[in-house]
């Protein structure tokens, strides 16, 4: 990883991603949005209501961007790293669900201290 914040793997990117979600409200909004995305996706598959596919990004990004613009006051990491950010949404969802987010956020803050 270079000083210009270039990442070679999602394992390197995830700690940085967490530092872009320092505010608990932002992480909570991501959690809600990602959870609803999962529910909508499963509903779409079960019911075969395919237009729900169009709603999925609106719900997922809607909650996330509210968190970033109004609480975190930063630009979403998805603007520069869209695929890794999407994957990290689900990793962070799992970390919140399993109670690991505090420890991982603390480790990330040591790697990328706040300015």
N, C-alpha and C. Protein backbone atom coordinates (compact mmCIF):
# COMPACT_ATOMS: atom_id res chain seq x y z
N UNK A 1 0.86 -1.17 0.00
CA UNK A 1 0.00 0.00 0.00
C UNK A 1 0.90 1.23 0.00
N UNK A 2 0.65 2.17 -0.88
CA UNK A 2 1.48 3.37 -0.95
C UNK A 2 0.85 4.49 -0.14
N UNK A 3 1.59 5.60 -0.02
CA UNK A 3 1.09 6.74 0.74
C UNK A 3 -0.05 7.45 0.02
N UNK A 4 -0.30 7.17 -1.25
CA UNK A 4 -1.38 7.79 -2.01
C UNK A 4 -2.69 7.03 -1.85
N UNK A 5 -2.79 6.22 -0.85
CA UNK A 5 -3.99 5.41 -0.59
C UNK A 5 -4.38 4.55 -1.79
N UNK A 6 -3.41 3.82 -2.27
CA UNK A 6 -3.67 2.81 -3.29
C UNK A 6 -3.68 1.47 -2.57
N UNK A 7 -4.63 0.64 -2.92
CA UNK A 7 -4.80 -0.63 -2.22
C UNK A 7 -4.67 -1.78 -3.21
N UNK A 8 -4.02 -2.85 -2.75
CA UNK A 8 -3.80 -4.00 -3.60
C UNK A 8 -4.78 -5.14 -3.34
N UNK A 9 -5.55 -5.01 -2.28
CA UNK A 9 -6.50 -6.08 -1.96
C UNK A 9 -7.62 -5.50 -1.10
N UNK A 10 -8.68 -6.25 -1.04
CA UNK A 10 -9.80 -5.82 -0.19
C UNK A 10 -9.38 -5.87 1.28
N UNK A 11 -8.47 -6.77 1.62
CA UNK A 11 -7.97 -6.85 3.00
C UNK A 11 -7.25 -5.56 3.39
N UNK A 12 -6.53 -4.96 2.46
CA UNK A 12 -5.88 -3.68 2.71
C UNK A 12 -6.89 -2.54 2.72
N UNK A 13 -7.90 -2.62 1.86
CA UNK A 13 -8.88 -1.55 1.71
C UNK A 13 -9.85 -1.46 2.88
N UNK A 14 -10.23 -2.59 3.44
CA UNK A 14 -11.29 -2.60 4.47
C UNK A 14 -10.98 -1.70 5.68
N UNK A 15 -9.76 -1.70 6.24
CA UNK A 15 -9.50 -0.77 7.35
C UNK A 15 -9.71 0.69 6.95
N UNK A 16 -9.27 1.06 5.76
CA UNK A 16 -9.50 2.41 5.28
C UNK A 16 -11.01 2.68 5.17
N UNK A 17 -11.72 1.73 4.60
CA UNK A 17 -13.17 1.84 4.46
C UNK A 17 -13.82 2.11 5.82
N UNK A 18 -13.39 1.40 6.84
CA UNK A 18 -13.96 1.60 8.18
C UNK A 18 -13.70 3.01 8.69
N UNK A 19 -12.55 3.59 8.35
CA UNK A 19 -12.27 4.95 8.82
C UNK A 19 -13.13 5.98 8.11
N UNK A 20 -13.75 5.60 7.03
CA UNK A 20 -14.69 6.48 6.35
C UNK A 20 -16.10 6.35 6.94
N UNK A 21 -16.20 5.52 7.97
CA UNK A 21 -17.47 5.25 8.66
C UNK A 21 -17.25 5.32 10.17
N UNK A 22 -16.62 6.37 10.62
CA UNK A 22 -16.31 6.52 12.05
C UNK A 22 -17.55 6.80 12.88
N UNK A 23 -18.51 7.52 12.31
CA UNK A 23 -19.73 7.89 13.02
C UNK A 23 -20.67 6.68 13.14
N UNK A 24 -21.11 6.43 14.34
CA UNK A 24 -21.99 5.28 14.59
C UNK A 24 -23.29 5.37 13.79
N UNK A 25 -23.83 6.58 13.64
CA UNK A 25 -25.06 6.76 12.87
C UNK A 25 -24.84 6.38 11.41
N UNK A 26 -23.71 6.75 10.87
CA UNK A 26 -23.39 6.38 9.48
C UNK A 26 -23.32 4.86 9.33
N UNK A 27 -22.61 4.22 10.25
CA UNK A 27 -22.52 2.74 10.19
C UNK A 27 -23.91 2.12 10.35
N UNK A 28 -24.73 2.68 11.23
CA UNK A 28 -26.08 2.15 11.44
C UNK A 28 -26.93 2.29 10.19
N UNK A 29 -26.81 3.43 9.52
CA UNK A 29 -27.57 3.61 8.27
C UNK A 29 -27.10 2.64 7.20
N UNK A 30 -25.80 2.40 7.13
CA UNK A 30 -25.28 1.38 6.21
C UNK A 30 -25.86 0.01 6.55
N UNK A 31 -25.89 -0.30 7.83
CA UNK A 31 -26.41 -1.60 8.28
C UNK A 31 -27.87 -1.76 7.86
N UNK A 32 -28.67 -0.73 8.08
CA UNK A 32 -30.08 -0.77 7.69
C UNK A 32 -30.21 -0.93 6.18
N UNK A 33 -29.47 -0.12 5.44
CA UNK A 33 -29.54 -0.19 3.98
C UNK A 33 -29.11 -1.54 3.44
N UNK A 34 -28.02 -2.08 3.95
CA UNK A 34 -27.53 -3.38 3.49
C UNK A 34 -28.52 -4.49 3.87
N UNK A 35 -29.07 -4.40 5.08
CA UNK A 35 -30.08 -5.39 5.48
C UNK A 35 -31.30 -5.36 4.57
N UNK A 36 -31.76 -4.16 4.23
CA UNK A 36 -32.90 -4.04 3.32
C UNK A 36 -32.57 -4.53 1.92
N UNK A 37 -31.34 -4.30 1.49
CA UNK A 37 -30.89 -4.82 0.19
C UNK A 37 -30.98 -6.34 0.17
N UNK A 38 -30.53 -6.97 1.23
CA UNK A 38 -30.59 -8.44 1.31
C UNK A 38 -32.05 -8.91 1.26
N UNK A 39 -32.90 -8.25 2.04
CA UNK A 39 -34.33 -8.61 2.06
C UNK A 39 -34.96 -8.41 0.68
N UNK A 40 -34.68 -7.28 0.05
CA UNK A 40 -35.24 -7.02 -1.29
C UNK A 40 -34.75 -8.03 -2.31
N UNK A 41 -33.46 -8.37 -2.24
CA UNK A 41 -32.91 -9.34 -3.18
C UNK A 41 -33.57 -10.71 -3.02
N UNK A 42 -33.69 -11.15 -1.78
CA UNK A 42 -34.34 -12.44 -1.53
C UNK A 42 -35.81 -12.41 -1.94
N UNK A 43 -36.47 -11.30 -1.63
CA UNK A 43 -37.88 -11.14 -2.04
C UNK A 43 -38.01 -11.21 -3.55
N UNK A 44 -37.11 -10.54 -4.25
CA UNK A 44 -37.12 -10.55 -5.71
C UNK A 44 -36.97 -11.98 -6.24
N UNK A 45 -36.05 -12.74 -5.66
CA UNK A 45 -35.83 -14.11 -6.12
C UNK A 45 -37.03 -15.00 -5.83
N UNK A 46 -37.59 -14.86 -4.64
CA UNK A 46 -38.71 -15.72 -4.24
C UNK A 46 -39.98 -15.39 -5.02
N UNK A 47 -40.27 -14.09 -5.15
CA UNK A 47 -41.52 -13.68 -5.80
C UNK A 47 -41.40 -13.52 -7.30
N UNK A 48 -40.19 -13.46 -7.79
CA UNK A 48 -39.87 -13.21 -9.20
C UNK A 48 -40.45 -11.88 -9.68
N UNK A 49 -40.47 -10.91 -8.78
CA UNK A 49 -40.83 -9.54 -9.13
C UNK A 49 -39.53 -8.84 -9.49
N UNK A 50 -39.18 -8.91 -10.76
CA UNK A 50 -37.84 -8.53 -11.21
C UNK A 50 -37.57 -7.03 -11.16
N UNK A 51 -38.62 -6.20 -11.19
CA UNK A 51 -38.38 -4.76 -11.12
C UNK A 51 -37.81 -4.33 -9.77
N UNK A 52 -37.90 -5.19 -8.76
CA UNK A 52 -37.29 -4.88 -7.46
C UNK A 52 -35.78 -4.68 -7.59
N UNK A 53 -35.22 -5.27 -8.64
CA UNK A 53 -33.79 -5.11 -8.89
C UNK A 53 -33.42 -3.63 -9.03
N UNK A 54 -34.34 -2.84 -9.59
CA UNK A 54 -34.11 -1.41 -9.76
C UNK A 54 -34.16 -0.64 -8.45
N UNK A 55 -34.88 -1.19 -7.48
CA UNK A 55 -35.04 -0.53 -6.18
C UNK A 55 -33.82 -0.78 -5.28
N UNK A 56 -33.17 -1.89 -5.48
CA UNK A 56 -32.06 -2.31 -4.60
C UNK A 56 -30.98 -1.23 -4.48
N UNK A 57 -30.44 -0.70 -5.58
CA UNK A 57 -29.39 0.32 -5.40
C UNK A 57 -29.91 1.61 -4.75
N UNK A 58 -31.16 1.96 -5.03
CA UNK A 58 -31.72 3.16 -4.42
C UNK A 58 -31.79 3.04 -2.90
N UNK A 59 -32.21 1.88 -2.44
CA UNK A 59 -32.32 1.64 -1.00
C UNK A 59 -30.93 1.57 -0.37
N UNK A 60 -30.07 0.77 -0.94
CA UNK A 60 -28.72 0.59 -0.38
C UNK A 60 -27.93 1.89 -0.35
N UNK A 61 -27.84 2.54 -1.49
CA UNK A 61 -27.07 3.78 -1.55
C UNK A 61 -27.79 4.93 -0.85
N UNK A 62 -29.11 4.92 -0.86
CA UNK A 62 -29.87 5.98 -0.20
C UNK A 62 -29.52 6.09 1.27
N UNK A 63 -29.60 4.99 1.98
CA UNK A 63 -29.26 5.00 3.41
C UNK A 63 -27.79 5.35 3.62
N UNK A 64 -26.92 4.77 2.80
CA UNK A 64 -25.48 5.01 2.96
C UNK A 64 -25.13 6.48 2.72
N UNK A 65 -25.67 7.06 1.67
CA UNK A 65 -25.32 8.43 1.33
C UNK A 65 -25.89 9.43 2.33
N UNK A 66 -27.05 9.14 2.90
CA UNK A 66 -27.56 10.00 3.98
C UNK A 66 -26.56 9.98 5.14
N UNK A 67 -26.06 8.80 5.45
CA UNK A 67 -25.06 8.68 6.52
C UNK A 67 -23.80 9.48 6.24
N UNK A 68 -23.34 9.42 4.99
CA UNK A 68 -22.10 10.13 4.65
C UNK A 68 -22.30 11.64 4.58
N UNK A 69 -23.32 12.07 3.88
CA UNK A 69 -23.48 13.50 3.63
C UNK A 69 -23.95 14.27 4.86
N UNK A 70 -24.78 13.65 5.71
CA UNK A 70 -25.35 14.38 6.84
C UNK A 70 -24.69 14.08 8.18
N UNK A 71 -24.09 12.93 8.33
CA UNK A 71 -23.51 12.57 9.63
C UNK A 71 -21.99 12.45 9.56
N UNK A 72 -21.49 11.72 8.60
CA UNK A 72 -20.04 11.52 8.48
C UNK A 72 -19.39 12.76 7.86
N UNK A 73 -20.14 13.44 6.99
CA UNK A 73 -19.67 14.64 6.29
C UNK A 73 -18.43 14.36 5.44
N UNK A 74 -18.50 13.26 4.69
CA UNK A 74 -17.44 12.93 3.75
C UNK A 74 -18.06 12.33 2.49
N UNK A 75 -17.23 12.12 1.50
CA UNK A 75 -17.71 11.49 0.27
C UNK A 75 -17.63 9.98 0.44
N UNK A 76 -18.65 9.26 0.01
CA UNK A 76 -18.61 7.80 0.12
C UNK A 76 -17.39 7.21 -0.59
N UNK A 77 -16.81 6.20 0.03
CA UNK A 77 -15.66 5.51 -0.57
C UNK A 77 -16.03 4.89 -1.91
N UNK A 78 -17.32 4.65 -2.13
CA UNK A 78 -17.78 4.05 -3.38
C UNK A 78 -17.49 4.94 -4.58
N UNK A 79 -17.30 6.23 -4.36
CA UNK A 79 -17.01 7.13 -5.48
C UNK A 79 -15.66 6.82 -6.11
N UNK A 80 -14.70 6.33 -5.31
CA UNK A 80 -13.37 6.02 -5.84
C UNK A 80 -13.14 4.52 -6.00
N UNK A 81 -13.77 3.71 -5.18
CA UNK A 81 -13.57 2.25 -5.18
C UNK A 81 -14.92 1.55 -5.12
N UNK A 82 -15.71 1.62 -6.19
CA UNK A 82 -17.10 1.13 -6.11
C UNK A 82 -17.25 -0.36 -5.79
N UNK A 83 -16.46 -1.22 -6.40
CA UNK A 83 -16.64 -2.66 -6.18
C UNK A 83 -16.16 -3.08 -4.79
N UNK A 84 -15.00 -2.59 -4.39
CA UNK A 84 -14.50 -2.93 -3.06
C UNK A 84 -15.39 -2.34 -1.98
N UNK A 85 -15.92 -1.14 -2.22
CA UNK A 85 -16.83 -0.53 -1.24
C UNK A 85 -18.10 -1.34 -1.10
N UNK A 86 -18.62 -1.82 -2.21
CA UNK A 86 -19.82 -2.66 -2.15
C UNK A 86 -19.55 -3.92 -1.34
N UNK A 87 -18.43 -4.55 -1.61
CA UNK A 87 -18.07 -5.76 -0.86
C UNK A 87 -17.89 -5.43 0.62
N UNK A 88 -17.27 -4.29 0.90
CA UNK A 88 -17.03 -3.89 2.29
C UNK A 88 -18.32 -3.55 3.03
N UNK A 89 -19.34 -3.11 2.29
CA UNK A 89 -20.65 -2.91 2.93
C UNK A 89 -21.12 -4.20 3.58
N UNK A 90 -20.95 -5.30 2.87
CA UNK A 90 -21.40 -6.59 3.39
C UNK A 90 -20.47 -7.11 4.48
N UNK A 91 -19.18 -6.83 4.37
CA UNK A 91 -18.24 -7.21 5.42
C UNK A 91 -18.55 -6.44 6.69
N UNK A 92 -18.79 -5.13 6.56
CA UNK A 92 -19.13 -4.32 7.73
C UNK A 92 -20.46 -4.76 8.32
N UNK A 93 -21.43 -5.12 7.48
CA UNK A 93 -22.72 -5.64 7.94
C UNK A 93 -22.48 -6.87 8.83
N UNK A 94 -21.65 -7.79 8.35
CA UNK A 94 -21.34 -9.00 9.12
C UNK A 94 -20.60 -8.67 10.41
N UNK A 95 -19.68 -7.70 10.36
CA UNK A 95 -18.95 -7.31 11.56
C UNK A 95 -19.87 -6.68 12.60
N UNK A 96 -20.84 -5.90 12.15
CA UNK A 96 -21.81 -5.32 13.08
C UNK A 96 -22.67 -6.43 13.67
N UNK A 97 -23.14 -7.32 12.81
CA UNK A 97 -24.01 -8.42 13.22
C UNK A 97 -23.33 -9.33 14.25
N UNK A 98 -22.03 -9.54 14.09
CA UNK A 98 -21.30 -10.45 14.99
C UNK A 98 -20.62 -9.73 16.15
N UNK A 99 -20.79 -8.41 16.23
CA UNK A 99 -20.22 -7.66 17.34
C UNK A 99 -18.73 -7.39 17.22
N UNK A 100 -18.16 -7.57 16.05
CA UNK A 100 -16.72 -7.37 15.86
C UNK A 100 -16.36 -5.96 15.40
N UNK A 101 -17.37 -5.13 15.11
CA UNK A 101 -17.11 -3.83 14.48
C UNK A 101 -16.25 -2.93 15.37
N UNK A 102 -16.49 -2.93 16.67
CA UNK A 102 -15.72 -2.06 17.56
C UNK A 102 -14.24 -2.34 17.51
N UNK A 103 -13.88 -3.60 17.62
CA UNK A 103 -12.47 -4.01 17.59
C UNK A 103 -11.85 -3.69 16.23
N UNK A 104 -12.55 -3.97 15.16
CA UNK A 104 -12.00 -3.73 13.82
C UNK A 104 -11.90 -2.24 13.52
N UNK A 105 -12.86 -1.46 13.99
CA UNK A 105 -12.80 -0.01 13.79
C UNK A 105 -11.64 0.58 14.57
N UNK A 106 -11.39 0.08 15.77
CA UNK A 106 -10.27 0.55 16.58
C UNK A 106 -8.94 0.25 15.88
N UNK A 107 -8.81 -0.95 15.34
CA UNK A 107 -7.59 -1.32 14.61
C UNK A 107 -7.41 -0.43 13.38
N UNK A 108 -8.52 -0.16 12.67
CA UNK A 108 -8.47 0.69 11.47
C UNK A 108 -8.05 2.11 11.82
N UNK A 109 -8.54 2.62 12.95
CA UNK A 109 -8.20 3.97 13.37
C UNK A 109 -6.72 4.10 13.71
N UNK A 110 -6.10 3.02 14.13
CA UNK A 110 -4.65 3.04 14.39
C UNK A 110 -3.86 3.08 13.08
N UNK A 111 -4.36 2.38 12.07
CA UNK A 111 -3.70 2.38 10.77
C UNK A 111 -3.89 3.70 10.03
N UNK A 112 -5.08 4.29 10.18
CA UNK A 112 -5.43 5.53 9.49
C UNK A 112 -5.97 6.53 10.50
N UNK A 113 -5.08 7.18 11.27
CA UNK A 113 -5.55 8.12 12.28
C UNK A 113 -6.33 9.28 11.65
N UNK A 114 -7.27 9.80 12.42
CA UNK A 114 -8.08 10.90 11.97
C UNK A 114 -7.21 12.15 11.85
N UNK A 115 -7.43 12.93 10.79
CA UNK A 115 -6.62 14.15 10.57
C UNK A 115 -6.81 15.16 11.66
